[in-house]
């Protein structure tokens, strides 16, 4: 019956989600290995423009921030770096969303 179709669909969605999360993890690792802040910021700008910083990436970033908040020690201070990445990604996403949002008030 229909339940087999649903099961297959859910499995497909799971695989897709898993692969997007893996991609998000790769993107985050690449950012963390940037070294210089200018390189990092450039990669974030490019990543947002190219669509690599998608909701799956943001989910991976949030999971890593949660993990860092729970387990960060002085010698492994990932939290400030992850916080910076999060802030910059949000800024870039807002920049890309703003032009259309800025048009609406002028119309009314």
Protein backbone atom coordinates (compact mmCIF):
# COMPACT_ATOMS: atom_id res chain seq x y z
CA UNK A 1 0.00 0.00 0.00
CA UNK A 2 0.77 3.63 0.47
CA UNK A 3 2.90 3.16 3.56
CA UNK A 4 5.75 1.64 1.50
CA UNK A 5 5.74 4.73 -0.73
CA UNK A 6 5.80 7.01 2.32
CA UNK A 7 8.63 5.00 3.83
CA UNK A 8 10.65 5.28 0.60
CA UNK A 9 9.97 9.02 0.43
CA UNK A 10 11.06 9.54 4.05
CA UNK A 11 14.24 7.56 3.41
CA UNK A 12 15.00 9.72 0.35
CA UNK A 13 14.47 12.87 2.41
CA UNK A 14 16.75 11.52 5.12
CA UNK A 15 19.51 10.75 2.61
CA UNK A 16 19.14 14.21 1.07
CA UNK A 17 19.21 15.90 4.47
CA UNK A 18 22.24 13.82 5.48
CA UNK A 19 24.16 14.78 2.34
CA UNK A 20 23.29 18.48 2.81
CA UNK A 21 24.44 18.32 6.43
CA UNK A 22 27.69 16.64 5.32
CA UNK A 23 28.21 19.42 2.78
CA UNK A 24 27.51 21.97 5.50
CA UNK A 25 30.13 20.29 7.69
CA UNK A 26 32.71 20.47 4.88
CA UNK A 27 31.97 24.17 4.34
CA UNK A 28 32.33 24.87 8.07
CA UNK A 29 35.62 22.93 8.32
CA UNK A 30 36.97 24.90 5.37
CA UNK A 31 36.01 28.17 7.12
CA UNK A 32 37.61 27.06 10.40
CA UNK A 33 40.86 26.29 8.56
CA UNK A 34 40.99 29.74 6.94
CA UNK A 35 43.53 31.11 9.40
CA UNK A 36 43.26 34.83 8.71
CA UNK A 37 40.07 36.74 9.44
CA UNK A 38 40.20 38.50 6.03
CA UNK A 39 40.35 35.11 4.26
CA UNK A 40 37.50 33.85 6.45
CA UNK A 41 35.31 36.88 5.69
CA UNK A 42 35.98 36.58 1.95
CA UNK A 43 35.03 32.88 2.03
CA UNK A 44 31.81 33.72 3.90
CA UNK A 45 30.87 36.41 1.36
CA UNK A 46 31.54 34.01 -1.51
CA UNK A 47 29.74 31.16 0.24
CA UNK A 48 26.58 33.19 0.76
CA UNK A 49 26.63 34.40 -2.86
CA UNK A 50 27.13 30.88 -4.22
CA UNK A 51 24.42 29.38 -2.01
CA UNK A 52 26.83 27.14 -0.07
CA UNK A 53 25.70 28.83 3.16
CA UNK A 54 22.23 27.29 2.98
CA UNK A 55 19.88 26.34 5.84
CA UNK A 56 21.74 23.03 6.24
CA UNK A 57 25.00 24.92 6.73
CA UNK A 58 23.35 27.18 9.33
CA UNK A 59 22.00 24.07 11.10
CA UNK A 60 25.49 22.53 11.20
CA UNK A 61 26.91 25.82 12.47
CA UNK A 62 24.26 26.00 15.21
CA UNK A 63 24.94 22.40 16.28
CA UNK A 64 28.66 23.19 16.52
CA UNK A 65 27.97 26.35 18.54
CA UNK A 66 25.77 24.35 20.94
CA UNK A 67 28.48 21.72 21.25
CA UNK A 68 31.19 24.35 21.82
CA UNK A 69 29.11 26.04 24.53
CA UNK A 70 28.84 22.73 26.36
CA UNK A 71 32.39 21.49 25.93
CA UNK A 72 34.72 24.41 25.21
CA UNK A 73 37.86 24.68 27.28
CA UNK A 74 40.45 27.44 27.27
CA UNK A 75 42.83 25.56 25.01
CA UNK A 76 40.09 24.81 22.48
CA UNK A 77 38.28 28.11 22.14
CA UNK A 78 36.09 27.39 19.10
CA UNK A 79 33.21 29.46 20.37
CA UNK A 80 34.52 32.95 19.46
CA UNK A 81 35.42 31.74 15.96
CA UNK A 82 32.05 30.02 15.48
CA UNK A 83 30.29 33.11 16.84
CA UNK A 84 32.14 35.30 14.35
CA UNK A 85 31.22 32.97 11.47
CA UNK A 86 27.57 32.97 12.58
CA UNK A 87 27.45 36.79 12.80
CA UNK A 88 29.12 37.28 9.41
CA UNK A 89 26.89 34.71 7.68
CA UNK A 90 23.79 36.42 9.12
CA UNK A 91 25.06 39.84 7.96
CA UNK A 92 25.72 38.57 4.45
CA UNK A 93 22.33 36.83 4.26
CA UNK A 94 20.62 40.05 5.41
CA UNK A 95 22.54 42.10 2.83
CA UNK A 96 21.31 39.78 0.12
CA UNK A 97 17.71 39.92 1.40
CA UNK A 98 17.59 43.68 1.96
CA UNK A 99 17.25 45.17 -1.53
CA UNK A 100 13.78 43.71 -2.08
CA UNK A 101 12.72 44.48 1.49
CA UNK A 102 13.87 48.07 1.04
CA UNK A 103 11.66 48.49 -2.02
CA UNK A 104 8.37 47.64 -0.28
CA UNK A 105 8.13 50.63 2.10
CA UNK A 106 8.77 53.04 -0.80
CA UNK A 107 5.77 51.59 -2.65
CA UNK A 108 3.37 52.35 0.20
